[in-house]
């Protein structure tokens, strides 16, 4: 069975689920998932997890995502991008790029963001976009997100281009809409390219056509799914205990979540608290050390 991670370059016009379906057909496997949904009209990096790598999805890509986004002032749509129905047109004040730069300062750091109705977030087991398509508005609570970088790349009124590095859970469409409102108008996104997700960079990504032609060439090791985590190396006895569900004391281990290795073999994920290490997600079990077997 194929286990690993693919750094897919998603083209515009496909949903993230379409990409997963295509990968299932290429590798003839059912266990396939992705990290970080990309809108159908967006392009860029989409990490896809195959086989045992799917077990690490919840722990993957915990840090930043990098986008290049374009928008237009004066138009508001129901989806937040130019694929939606136009709800409103407003005049665009004659502000300068310097004024826009000053506005962007207010959106750097931790901000509160109301998720859009056209999103895959769930309410009572149903995705928000399903309610939106029925014309039903659900009250959404603001959520804190982190904007690590927000730079104005180009400003050619009423169009603009931004470079954005943000936390998981940030909606770029909503960010652009909120920026427009703060400038006294409305706006929507016209283009979105995701250039990186955690350690996965667009320079190392591959198209579906490339992957289909060389399916074994681009599959990354399972542990790249959690490459942002620190490493904890253990001996064989410790590995045997931890991978078989036994909490184990390892001196001088700082609190946190770790990639677990024994003799350069990736075993899974473990967490440490007060020097006690316990398993979180084990992919490889270690046999009893020979010394223990002989002692029996």
C-alpha atoms as a PDB file:
ATOM      1  CA  UNK A   1       0.000   0.000   0.000  1.00  0.00           C
ATOM      2  CA  UNK A   2       1.197   3.535  -0.773  1.00  0.00           C
ATOM      3  CA  UNK A   3       1.727   5.667   2.327  1.00  0.00           C
ATOM      4  CA  UNK A   4       2.966   9.228   2.156  1.00  0.00           C
ATOM      5  CA  UNK A   5       2.278  12.849   1.300  1.00  0.00           C
ATOM      6  CA  UNK A   6       1.957  14.597  -2.056  1.00  0.00           C
ATOM      7  CA  UNK A   7       2.617  18.309  -2.536  1.00  0.00           C
ATOM      8  CA  UNK A   8      -0.034  18.893  -5.196  1.00  0.00           C
ATOM      9  CA  UNK A   9      -0.259  22.035  -7.327  1.00  0.00           C
ATOM     10  CA  UNK A  10      -4.037  22.412  -7.489  1.00  0.00           C
ATOM     11  CA  UNK A  11      -5.279  24.109 -10.657  1.00  0.00           C
ATOM     12  CA  UNK A  12      -8.193  26.568 -10.659  1.00  0.00           C
ATOM     13  CA  UNK A  13     -11.543  25.036 -11.521  1.00  0.00           C
ATOM     14  CA  UNK A  14     -11.223  21.978  -9.270  1.00  0.00           C
ATOM     15  CA  UNK A  15     -12.447  21.506  -5.719  1.00  0.00           C
ATOM     16  CA  UNK A  16     -10.061  20.093  -3.139  1.00  0.00           C
ATOM     17  CA  UNK A  17     -12.288  17.000  -3.065  1.00  0.00           C
ATOM     18  CA  UNK A  18     -11.869  16.647  -6.850  1.00  0.00           C
ATOM     19  CA  UNK A  19      -8.109  16.470  -6.284  1.00  0.00           C
ATOM     20  CA  UNK A  20      -8.548  13.789  -3.605  1.00  0.00           C
ATOM     21  CA  UNK A  21     -10.759  11.744  -5.955  1.00  0.00           C
ATOM     22  CA  UNK A  22      -8.151  11.977  -8.721  1.00  0.00           C
ATOM     23  CA  UNK A  23      -5.385  10.823  -6.347  1.00  0.00           C
ATOM     24  CA  UNK A  24      -7.537   7.870  -5.241  1.00  0.00           C
ATOM     25  CA  UNK A  25      -7.802   6.761  -8.864  1.00  0.00           C
ATOM     26  CA  UNK A  26      -4.085   7.215  -9.548  1.00  0.00           C
ATOM     27  CA  UNK A  27      -2.936   5.233  -6.499  1.00  0.00           C
ATOM     28  CA  UNK A  28      -5.922   2.858  -6.259  1.00  0.00           C
ATOM     29  CA  UNK A  29      -6.433   3.610  -2.557  1.00  0.00           C
ATOM     30  CA  UNK A  30      -9.413   4.799  -0.522  1.00  0.00           C
ATOM     31  CA  UNK A  31      -7.582   6.380   2.412  1.00  0.00           C
ATOM     32  CA  UNK A  32      -6.792   9.834   1.012  1.00  0.00           C
ATOM     33  CA  UNK A  33      -7.255  13.248   2.628  1.00  0.00           C
ATOM     34  CA  UNK A  34      -6.005  16.811   2.279  1.00  0.00           C
ATOM     35  CA  UNK A  35      -4.816  19.588   4.580  1.00  0.00           C
ATOM     36  CA  UNK A  36      -6.324  23.039   4.141  1.00  0.00           C
ATOM     37  CA  UNK A  37      -9.219  23.369   1.699  1.00  0.00           C
ATOM     38  CA  UNK A  38      -8.619  25.591  -1.327  1.00  0.00           C
ATOM     39  CA  UNK A  39     -11.597  27.298  -2.987  1.00  0.00           C
ATOM     40  CA  UNK A  40     -12.476  25.867  -6.420  1.00  0.00           C
ATOM     41  CA  UNK A  41     -11.259  28.988  -8.252  1.00  0.00           C
ATOM     42  CA  UNK A  42      -8.040  29.193  -6.224  1.00  0.00           C
ATOM     43  CA  UNK A  43      -4.767  27.556  -7.227  1.00  0.00           C
ATOM     44  CA  UNK A  44      -1.630  26.500  -5.421  1.00  0.00           C
ATOM     45  CA  UNK A  45      -0.279  24.153  -2.786  1.00  0.00           C
ATOM     46  CA  UNK A  46      -2.614  21.408  -1.543  1.00  0.00           C
ATOM     47  CA  UNK A  47      -0.928  18.746   0.624  1.00  0.00           C
ATOM     48  CA  UNK A  48      -2.598  15.372   0.018  1.00  0.00           C
ATOM     49  CA  UNK A  49      -2.177  12.501   2.487  1.00  0.00           C
ATOM     50  CA  UNK A  50      -2.293   8.851   1.435  1.00  0.00           C
ATOM     51  CA  UNK A  51      -2.704   5.664   3.471  1.00  0.00           C
ATOM     52  CA  UNK A  52      -1.252   5.801   6.984  1.00  0.00           C
ATOM     53  CA  UNK A  53      -0.350   9.462   6.485  1.00  0.00           C
ATOM     54  CA  UNK A  54      -4.064  10.296   6.847  1.00  0.00           C
ATOM     55  CA  UNK A  55      -3.786   9.327  10.517  1.00  0.00           C
ATOM     56  CA  UNK A  56      -1.544  12.359  11.004  1.00  0.00           C
ATOM     57  CA  UNK A  57      -3.854  14.869   9.332  1.00  0.00           C
ATOM     58  CA  UNK A  58      -5.120  16.398  12.569  1.00  0.00           C
ATOM     59  CA  UNK A  59      -1.532  17.117  13.651  1.00  0.00           C
ATOM     60  CA  UNK A  60      -0.239  18.452  10.345  1.00  0.00           C
ATOM     61  CA  UNK A  61       0.212  22.025   9.128  1.00  0.00           C
ATOM     62  CA  UNK A  62      -0.228  23.765  12.451  1.00  0.00           C
ATOM     63  CA  UNK A  63       1.651  26.893  11.473  1.00  0.00           C
ATOM     64  CA  UNK A  64       1.413  29.399   8.639  1.00  0.00           C
ATOM     65  CA  UNK A  65       0.017  29.518   5.124  1.00  0.00           C
ATOM     66  CA  UNK A  66       1.281  31.900   2.448  1.00  0.00           C
ATOM     67  CA  UNK A  67      -0.957  33.478  -0.209  1.00  0.00           C
ATOM     68  CA  UNK A  68      -0.834  35.943  -3.073  1.00  0.00           C
ATOM     69  CA  UNK A  69      -4.300  37.490  -3.385  1.00  0.00           C
ATOM     70  CA  UNK A  70      -5.837  40.015  -5.757  1.00  0.00           C
ATOM     71  CA  UNK A  71      -9.038  41.944  -5.170  1.00  0.00           C
ATOM     72  CA  UNK A  72     -11.209  44.719  -6.498  1.00  0.00           C
ATOM     73  CA  UNK A  73     -12.886  47.532  -4.591  1.00  0.00           C
ATOM     74  CA  UNK A  74     -16.483  48.617  -5.176  1.00  0.00           C
ATOM     75  CA  UNK A  75     -18.107  45.195  -5.652  1.00  0.00           C
ATOM     76  CA  UNK A  76     -19.526  42.818  -3.019  1.00  0.00           C
ATOM     77  CA  UNK A  77     -20.635  39.267  -3.849  1.00  0.00           C
ATOM     78  CA  UNK A  78     -22.392  36.509  -1.924  1.00  0.00           C
ATOM     79  CA  UNK A  79     -19.305  34.264  -2.016  1.00  0.00           C
ATOM     80  CA  UNK A  80     -16.705  36.942  -1.306  1.00  0.00           C
ATOM     81  CA  UNK A  81     -14.998  36.394  -4.666  1.00  0.00           C
ATOM     82  CA  UNK A  82     -15.783  37.237  -8.268  1.00  0.00           C
ATOM     83  CA  UNK A  83     -17.386  33.833  -8.903  1.00  0.00           C
ATOM     84  CA  UNK A  84     -20.439  34.812  -6.851  1.00  0.00           C
ATOM     85  CA  UNK A  85     -23.552  36.863  -7.470  1.00  0.00           C
ATOM     86  CA  UNK A  86     -23.112  40.611  -7.110  1.00  0.00           C
ATOM     87  CA  UNK A  87     -24.975  41.897  -4.052  1.00  0.00           C
ATOM     88  CA  UNK A  88     -23.772  45.478  -3.977  1.00  0.00           C
ATOM     89  CA  UNK A  89     -21.808  48.114  -5.848  1.00  0.00           C
ATOM     90  CA  UNK A  90     -20.359  51.107  -4.025  1.00  0.00           C
ATOM     91  CA  UNK A  91     -18.264  54.115  -5.019  1.00  0.00           C
ATOM     92  CA  UNK A  92     -14.558  53.751  -4.316  1.00  0.00           C
ATOM     93  CA  UNK A  93     -13.066  56.693  -2.387  1.00  0.00           C
ATOM     94  CA  UNK A  94      -9.977  58.264  -3.925  1.00  0.00           C
ATOM     95  CA  UNK A  95      -7.421  56.948  -1.431  1.00  0.00           C
ATOM     96  CA  UNK A  96      -3.704  56.556  -2.081  1.00  0.00           C
ATOM     97  CA  UNK A  97      -1.470  53.526  -1.703  1.00  0.00           C
ATOM     98  CA  UNK A  98      -0.034  55.201   1.431  1.00  0.00           C
ATOM     99  CA  UNK A  99      -3.535  55.373   2.939  1.00  0.00           C
ATOM    100  CA  UNK A 100      -4.102  51.739   2.079  1.00  0.00           C
ATOM    101  CA  UNK A 101      -0.778  50.796   3.691  1.00  0.00           C
ATOM    102  CA  UNK A 102      -1.915  52.560   6.868  1.00  0.00           C
ATOM    103  CA  UNK A 103      -5.197  50.630   6.768  1.00  0.00           C
ATOM    104  CA  UNK A 104      -3.354  47.306   6.459  1.00  0.00           C
ATOM    105  CA  UNK A 105      -1.542  47.978   9.737  1.00  0.00           C
ATOM    106  CA  UNK A 106      -4.841  47.410  11.583  1.00  0.00           C
ATOM    107  CA  UNK A 107      -5.124  43.897  10.135  1.00  0.00           C
ATOM    108  CA  UNK A 108      -1.696  42.623  11.176  1.00  0.00           C
ATOM    109  CA  UNK A 109      -1.351  40.458  14.259  1.00  0.00           C
ATOM    110  CA  UNK A 110      -4.290  38.771  15.969  1.00  0.00           C
ATOM    111  CA  UNK A 111      -7.660  39.829  14.558  1.00  0.00           C
ATOM    112  CA  UNK A 112     -11.247  38.626  14.867  1.00  0.00           C
ATOM    113  CA  UNK A 113     -12.819  37.244  11.711  1.00  0.00           C
ATOM    114  CA  UNK A 114     -16.366  36.080  11.028  1.00  0.00           C
ATOM    115  CA  UNK A 115     -16.218  32.972   8.798  1.00  0.00           C
ATOM    116  CA  UNK A 116     -18.055  33.356   5.470  1.00  0.00           C
ATOM    117  CA  UNK A 117     -21.302  31.542   4.770  1.00  0.00           C
ATOM    118  CA  UNK A 118     -19.706  30.034   1.666  1.00  0.00           C
ATOM    119  CA  UNK A 119     -17.307  27.826   3.622  1.00  0.00           C
ATOM    120  CA  UNK A 120     -16.967  24.181   4.624  1.00  0.00           C
ATOM    121  CA  UNK A 121     -17.431  24.897   8.328  1.00  0.00           C
ATOM    122  CA  UNK A 122     -20.268  22.880   9.812  1.00  0.00           C
ATOM    123  CA  UNK A 123     -23.380  23.893  11.752  1.00  0.00           C
ATOM    124  CA  UNK A 124     -25.492  21.073  13.184  1.00  0.00           C
ATOM    125  CA  UNK A 125     -23.645  18.592  10.968  1.00  0.00           C
ATOM    126  CA  UNK A 126     -24.286  20.547   7.770  1.00  0.00           C
ATOM    127  CA  UNK A 127     -21.755  22.658   5.862  1.00  0.00           C
ATOM    128  CA  UNK A 128     -22.349  26.404   5.864  1.00  0.00           C
ATOM    129  CA  UNK A 129     -22.268  26.641   2.077  1.00  0.00           C
ATOM    130  CA  UNK A 130     -25.201  24.207   1.941  1.00  0.00           C
ATOM    131  CA  UNK A 131     -27.261  26.619   4.039  1.00  0.00           C
ATOM    132  CA  UNK A 132     -26.045  29.533   1.892  1.00  0.00           C
ATOM    133  CA  UNK A 133     -27.229  27.834  -1.299  1.00  0.00           C
ATOM    134  CA  UNK A 134     -30.678  27.516   0.297  1.00  0.00           C
ATOM    135  CA  UNK A 135     -30.683  31.208   1.145  1.00  0.00           C
ATOM    136  CA  UNK A 136     -30.356  30.535   4.885  1.00  0.00           C
ATOM    137  CA  UNK A 137     -28.084  32.777   6.945  1.00  0.00           C
ATOM    138  CA  UNK A 138     -26.491  31.198  10.032  1.00  0.00           C
ATOM    139  CA  UNK A 139     -25.161  33.399  12.828  1.00  0.00           C
ATOM    140  CA  UNK A 140     -21.396  32.849  13.061  1.00  0.00           C
ATOM    141  CA  UNK A 141     -19.244  33.855  16.001  1.00  0.00           C
ATOM    142  CA  UNK A 142     -16.046  35.825  15.322  1.00  0.00           C
ATOM    143  CA  UNK A 143     -12.904  33.727  15.632  1.00  0.00           C
ATOM    144  CA  UNK A 144      -9.346  34.875  16.346  1.00  0.00           C
ATOM    145  CA  UNK A 145      -6.866  34.378  13.510  1.00  0.00           C
ATOM    146  CA  UNK A 146      -3.269  35.491  13.143  1.00  0.00           C
ATOM    147  CA  UNK A 147      -2.002  37.622  10.263  1.00  0.00           C
ATOM    148  CA  UNK A 148       1.772  37.261  10.362  1.00  0.00           C
ATOM    149  CA  UNK A 149       2.427  39.308   7.243  1.00  0.00           C
ATOM    150  CA  UNK A 150       0.250  41.578   5.124  1.00  0.00           C
ATOM    151  CA  UNK A 151       2.030  43.520   2.383  1.00  0.00           C
ATOM    152  CA  UNK A 152       0.683  45.638  -0.447  1.00  0.00           C
ATOM    153  CA  UNK A 153       2.314  44.378  -3.655  1.00  0.00           C
ATOM    154  CA  UNK A 154       0.417  46.445  -6.224  1.00  0.00           C
ATOM    155  CA  UNK A 155      -2.294  49.091  -6.116  1.00  0.00           C
ATOM    156  CA  UNK A 156      -3.938  50.072  -9.382  1.00  0.00           C
ATOM    157  CA  UNK A 157      -7.390  51.404  -8.401  1.00  0.00           C
ATOM    158  CA  UNK A 158      -9.832  49.808  -8.061  1.00  0.00           C
ATOM    159  CA  UNK A 159      -7.604  46.687  -8.134  1.00  0.00           C
ATOM    160  CA  UNK A 160      -4.982  45.641  -5.588  1.00  0.00           C
ATOM    161  CA  UNK A 161      -2.640  42.738  -4.839  1.00  0.00           C
ATOM    162  CA  UNK A 162      -1.569  41.533  -1.384  1.00  0.00           C
ATOM    163  CA  UNK A 163       1.048  39.142  -0.039  1.00  0.00           C
ATOM    164  CA  UNK A 164      -0.357  37.350   3.025  1.00  0.00           C
ATOM    165  CA  UNK A 165       1.080  34.961   5.600  1.00  0.00           C
ATOM    166  CA  UNK A 166      -1.598  33.828   8.030  1.00  0.00           C
ATOM    167  CA  UNK A 167      -2.594  31.143  10.491  1.00  0.00           C
ATOM    168  CA  UNK A 168      -4.663  28.060   9.848  1.00  0.00           C
ATOM    169  CA  UNK A 169      -8.368  28.939   9.732  1.00  0.00           C
ATOM    170  CA  UNK A 170      -7.955  32.362   8.088  1.00  0.00           C
ATOM    171  CA  UNK A 171     -10.331  33.172   5.225  1.00  0.00           C
ATOM    172  CA  UNK A 172      -8.518  35.393   2.738  1.00  0.00           C
ATOM    173  CA  UNK A 173     -11.793  36.333   1.015  1.00  0.00           C
ATOM    174  CA  UNK A 174     -13.123  37.675   4.290  1.00  0.00           C
ATOM    175  CA  UNK A 175      -9.867  39.502   5.025  1.00  0.00           C
ATOM    176  CA  UNK A 176     -10.100  41.355   1.705  1.00  0.00           C
ATOM    177  CA  UNK A 177     -13.770  42.188   2.312  1.00  0.00           C
ATOM    178  CA  UNK A 178     -12.980  43.571   5.772  1.00  0.00           C
ATOM    179  CA  UNK A 179     -10.121  45.686   4.410  1.00  0.00           C
ATOM    180  CA  UNK A 180     -12.476  47.177   1.815  1.00  0.00           C
ATOM    181  CA  UNK A 181     -15.081  48.022   4.475  1.00  0.00           C
ATOM    182  CA  UNK A 182     -12.442  49.733   6.616  1.00  0.00           C
ATOM    183  CA  UNK A 183     -11.616  51.935   3.605  1.00  0.00           C
ATOM    184  CA  UNK A 184     -15.240  53.019   3.250  1.00  0.00           C
ATOM    185  CA  UNK A 185     -16.287  50.792   0.370  1.00  0.00           C
ATOM    186  CA  UNK A 186     -16.847  47.101  -0.382  1.00  0.00           C
ATOM    187  CA  UNK A 187     -14.731  44.579  -2.233  1.00  0.00           C
ATOM    188  CA  UNK A 188     -14.202  41.003  -3.309  1.00  0.00           C
ATOM    189  CA  UNK A 189     -11.352  38.683  -4.184  1.00  0.00           C
ATOM    190  CA  UNK A 190     -10.532  38.122  -7.859  1.00  0.00           C
ATOM    191  CA  UNK A 191      -7.542  35.759  -7.645  1.00  0.00           C
ATOM    192  CA  UNK A 192      -5.920  33.529  -5.016  1.00  0.00           C
ATOM    193  CA  UNK A 193      -2.675  31.570  -5.184  1.00  0.00           C
ATOM    194  CA  UNK A 194      -1.434  29.604  -2.177  1.00  0.00           C
ATOM    195  CA  UNK A 195       2.346  29.518  -2.334  1.00  0.00           C
ATOM    196  CA  UNK A 196       3.022  27.453   0.784  1.00  0.00           C
ATOM    197  CA  UNK A 197       1.380  25.440   3.550  1.00  0.00           C
ATOM    198  CA  UNK A 198       3.735  24.870   6.459  1.00  0.00           C
ATOM    199  CA  UNK A 199       6.795  23.144   5.011  1.00  0.00           C
ATOM    200  CA  UNK A 200       5.139  22.487   1.619  1.00  0.00           C
ATOM    201  CA  UNK A 201       6.241  25.098  -0.927  1.00  0.00           C
ATOM    202  CA  UNK A 202       4.909  25.791  -4.415  1.00  0.00           C
ATOM    203  CA  UNK A 203       8.438  25.436  -5.817  1.00  0.00           C
ATOM    204  CA  UNK A 204       8.371  21.761  -4.843  1.00  0.00           C
ATOM    205  CA  UNK A 205       4.765  21.066  -5.867  1.00  0.00           C
ATOM    206  CA  UNK A 206       3.631  18.918  -8.790  1.00  0.00           C
ATOM    207  CA  UNK A 207       0.647  18.943 -11.104  1.00  0.00           C
ATOM    208  CA  UNK A 208      -1.828  16.083 -11.193  1.00  0.00           C
ATOM    209  CA  UNK A 209      -0.587  15.266 -14.689  1.00  0.00           C
ATOM    210  CA  UNK A 210       3.006  14.910 -13.436  1.00  0.00           C
ATOM    211  CA  UNK A 211       1.871  12.740 -10.536  1.00  0.00           C
ATOM    212  CA  UNK A 212      -0.216  10.521 -12.803  1.00  0.00           C
ATOM    213  CA  UNK A 213       2.736  10.022 -15.151  1.00  0.00           C
ATOM    214  CA  UNK A 214       5.231   9.274 -12.343  1.00  0.00           C
ATOM    215  CA  UNK A 215       3.165   8.171  -9.313  1.00  0.00           C
ATOM    216  CA  UNK A 216       6.118   6.788  -7.344  1.00  0.00           C
ATOM    217  CA  UNK A 217       8.432   9.720  -7.914  1.00  0.00           C
ATOM    218  CA  UNK A 218       6.715  12.457  -5.911  1.00  0.00           C
ATOM    219  CA  UNK A 219       5.374  10.622  -2.850  1.00  0.00           C
ATOM    220  CA  UNK A 220       7.034  12.064   0.258  1.00  0.00           C
ATOM    221  CA  UNK A 221       7.648  10.034   3.452  1.00  0.00           C
ATOM    222  CA  UNK A 222       4.800   9.855   5.966  1.00  0.00           C
ATOM    223  CA  UNK A 223       6.730  11.845   8.589  1.00  0.00           C
ATOM    224  CA  UNK A 224       6.798  14.960   6.394  1.00  0.00           C
ATOM    225  CA  UNK A 225       3.162  15.373   7.488  1.00  0.00           C
ATOM    226  CA  UNK A 226       4.459  16.483  10.884  1.00  0.00           C
ATOM    227  CA  UNK A 227       7.824  17.938   9.875  1.00  0.00           C
ATOM    228  CA  UNK A 228       7.135  21.093  11.915  1.00  0.00           C
ATOM    229  CA  UNK A 229       7.252  19.074  15.164  1.00  0.00           C
ATOM    230  CA  UNK A 230      10.453  18.608  17.169  1.00  0.00           C
ATOM    231  CA  UNK A 231      12.086  15.164  17.176  1.00  0.00           C
ATOM    232  CA  UNK A 232      12.342  12.814  20.153  1.00  0.00           C
ATOM    233  CA  UNK A 233      14.782   9.915  19.707  1.00  0.00           C
ATOM    234  CA  UNK A 234      14.324   6.943  22.037  1.00  0.00           C
ATOM    235  CA  UNK A 235      16.111   3.645  22.604  1.00  0.00           C
ATOM    236  CA  UNK A 236      14.562   0.292  21.717  1.00  0.00           C
ATOM    237  CA  UNK A 237      13.197  -0.412  25.182  1.00  0.00           C
ATOM    238  CA  UNK A 238      11.577   3.016  25.387  1.00  0.00           C
ATOM    239  CA  UNK A 239      10.237   2.598  21.853  1.00  0.00           C
ATOM    240  CA  UNK A 240       8.774  -0.810  22.731  1.00  0.00           C
ATOM    241  CA  UNK A 241       7.010   0.596  25.779  1.00  0.00           C
ATOM    242  CA  UNK A 242       5.662   3.761  24.134  1.00  0.00           C
ATOM    243  CA  UNK A 243       4.489   2.099  20.909  1.00  0.00           C
ATOM    244  CA  UNK A 244       2.636  -0.478  22.978  1.00  0.00           C
ATOM    245  CA  UNK A 245       0.749   2.172  24.924  1.00  0.00           C
ATOM    246  CA  UNK A 246       2.879   2.402  28.075  1.00  0.00           C
ATOM    247  CA  UNK A 247       3.665   5.821  29.553  1.00  0.00           C
ATOM    248  CA  UNK A 248       7.430   6.088  29.903  1.00  0.00           C
ATOM    249  CA  UNK A 249       9.636   8.452  31.895  1.00  0.00           C
ATOM    250  CA  UNK A 250      12.410  10.016  29.817  1.00  0.00           C
ATOM    251  CA  UNK A 251      14.561  12.459  31.753  1.00  0.00           C
ATOM    252  CA  UNK A 252      15.101  16.023  30.522  1.00  0.00           C
ATOM    253  CA  UNK A 253      12.240  15.802  28.000  1.00  0.00           C
ATOM    254  CA  UNK A 254      10.530  19.180  27.718  1.00  0.00           C
ATOM    255  CA  UNK A 255       6.712  19.385  27.561  1.00  0.00           C
ATOM    256  CA  UNK A 256       5.312  19.229  24.038  1.00  0.00           C
ATOM    257  CA  UNK A 257       4.341  17.073  21.090  1.00  0.00           C
ATOM    258  CA  UNK A 258       7.086  15.168  19.275  1.00  0.00           C
ATOM    259  CA  UNK A 259       7.898  13.091  16.226  1.00  0.00           C
ATOM    260  CA  UNK A 260       9.058   9.800  17.695  1.00  0.00           C
ATOM    261  CA  UNK A 261      12.089   7.984  16.252  1.00  0.00           C
ATOM    262  CA  UNK A 262      14.069   4.883  17.162  1.00  0.00           C
ATOM    263  CA  UNK A 263      17.221   4.044  15.204  1.00  0.00           C
ATOM    264  CA  UNK A 264      16.196   6.525  12.464  1.00  0.00           C
ATOM    265  CA  UNK A 265      12.790   4.851  12.050  1.00  0.00           C
ATOM    266  CA  UNK A 266       9.686   7.043  12.361  1.00  0.00           C
ATOM    267  CA  UNK A 267       7.270   5.508  14.858  1.00  0.00           C
ATOM    268  CA  UNK A 268       4.532   8.117  15.213  1.00  0.00           C
ATOM    269  CA  UNK A 269       3.644  10.999  17.521  1.00  0.00           C
ATOM    270  CA  UNK A 270       4.053  11.212  21.278  1.00  0.00           C
ATOM    271  CA  UNK A 271       3.548  13.935  23.850  1.00  0.00           C
ATOM    272  CA  UNK A 272       5.542  14.721  26.965  1.00  0.00           C
ATOM    273  CA  UNK A 273       4.467  16.250  30.246  1.00  0.00           C
ATOM    274  CA  UNK A 274       6.653  16.407  33.348  1.00  0.00           C
ATOM    275  CA  UNK A 275       9.160  14.056  31.631  1.00  0.00           C
ATOM    276  CA  UNK A 276       6.470  11.408  31.119  1.00  0.00           C
ATOM    277  CA  UNK A 277       6.074  10.456  27.451  1.00  0.00           C
ATOM    278  CA  UNK A 278       2.854   8.889  26.207  1.00  0.00           C
ATOM    279  CA  UNK A 279       1.780   7.861  22.699  1.00  0.00           C
ATOM    280  CA  UNK A 280      -0.630   9.990  20.690  1.00  0.00           C
ATOM    281  CA  UNK A 281      -0.606   8.340  17.273  1.00  0.00           C
ATOM    282  CA  UNK A 282       1.541   5.256  16.661  1.00  0.00           C
ATOM    283  CA  UNK A 283       2.161   4.066  13.103  1.00  0.00           C
ATOM    284  CA  UNK A 284       4.838   1.446  13.784  1.00  0.00           C
ATOM    285  CA  UNK A 285       4.989  -0.875  16.776  1.00  0.00           C
ATOM    286  CA  UNK A 286       8.397  -1.966  18.066  1.00  0.00           C
ATOM    287  CA  UNK A 287       9.037  -5.563  19.131  1.00  0.00           C
ATOM    288  CA  UNK A 288      10.356  -6.477  22.537  1.00  0.00           C
ATOM    289  CA  UNK A 289      14.130  -6.047  22.766  1.00  0.00           C
ATOM    290  CA  UNK A 290      16.048  -9.336  22.585  1.00  0.00           C
ATOM    291  CA  UNK A 291      17.432  -8.851  26.093  1.00  0.00           C
ATOM    292  CA  UNK A 292      13.889  -8.835  27.485  1.00  0.00           C
ATOM    293  CA  UNK A 293      12.938 -11.935  25.493  1.00  0.00           C
ATOM    294  CA  UNK A 294      16.018 -13.827  26.710  1.00  0.00           C
ATOM    295  CA  UNK A 295      15.280 -12.789  30.301  1.00  0.00           C
ATOM    296  CA  UNK A 296      11.867 -14.436  30.015  1.00  0.00           C
END
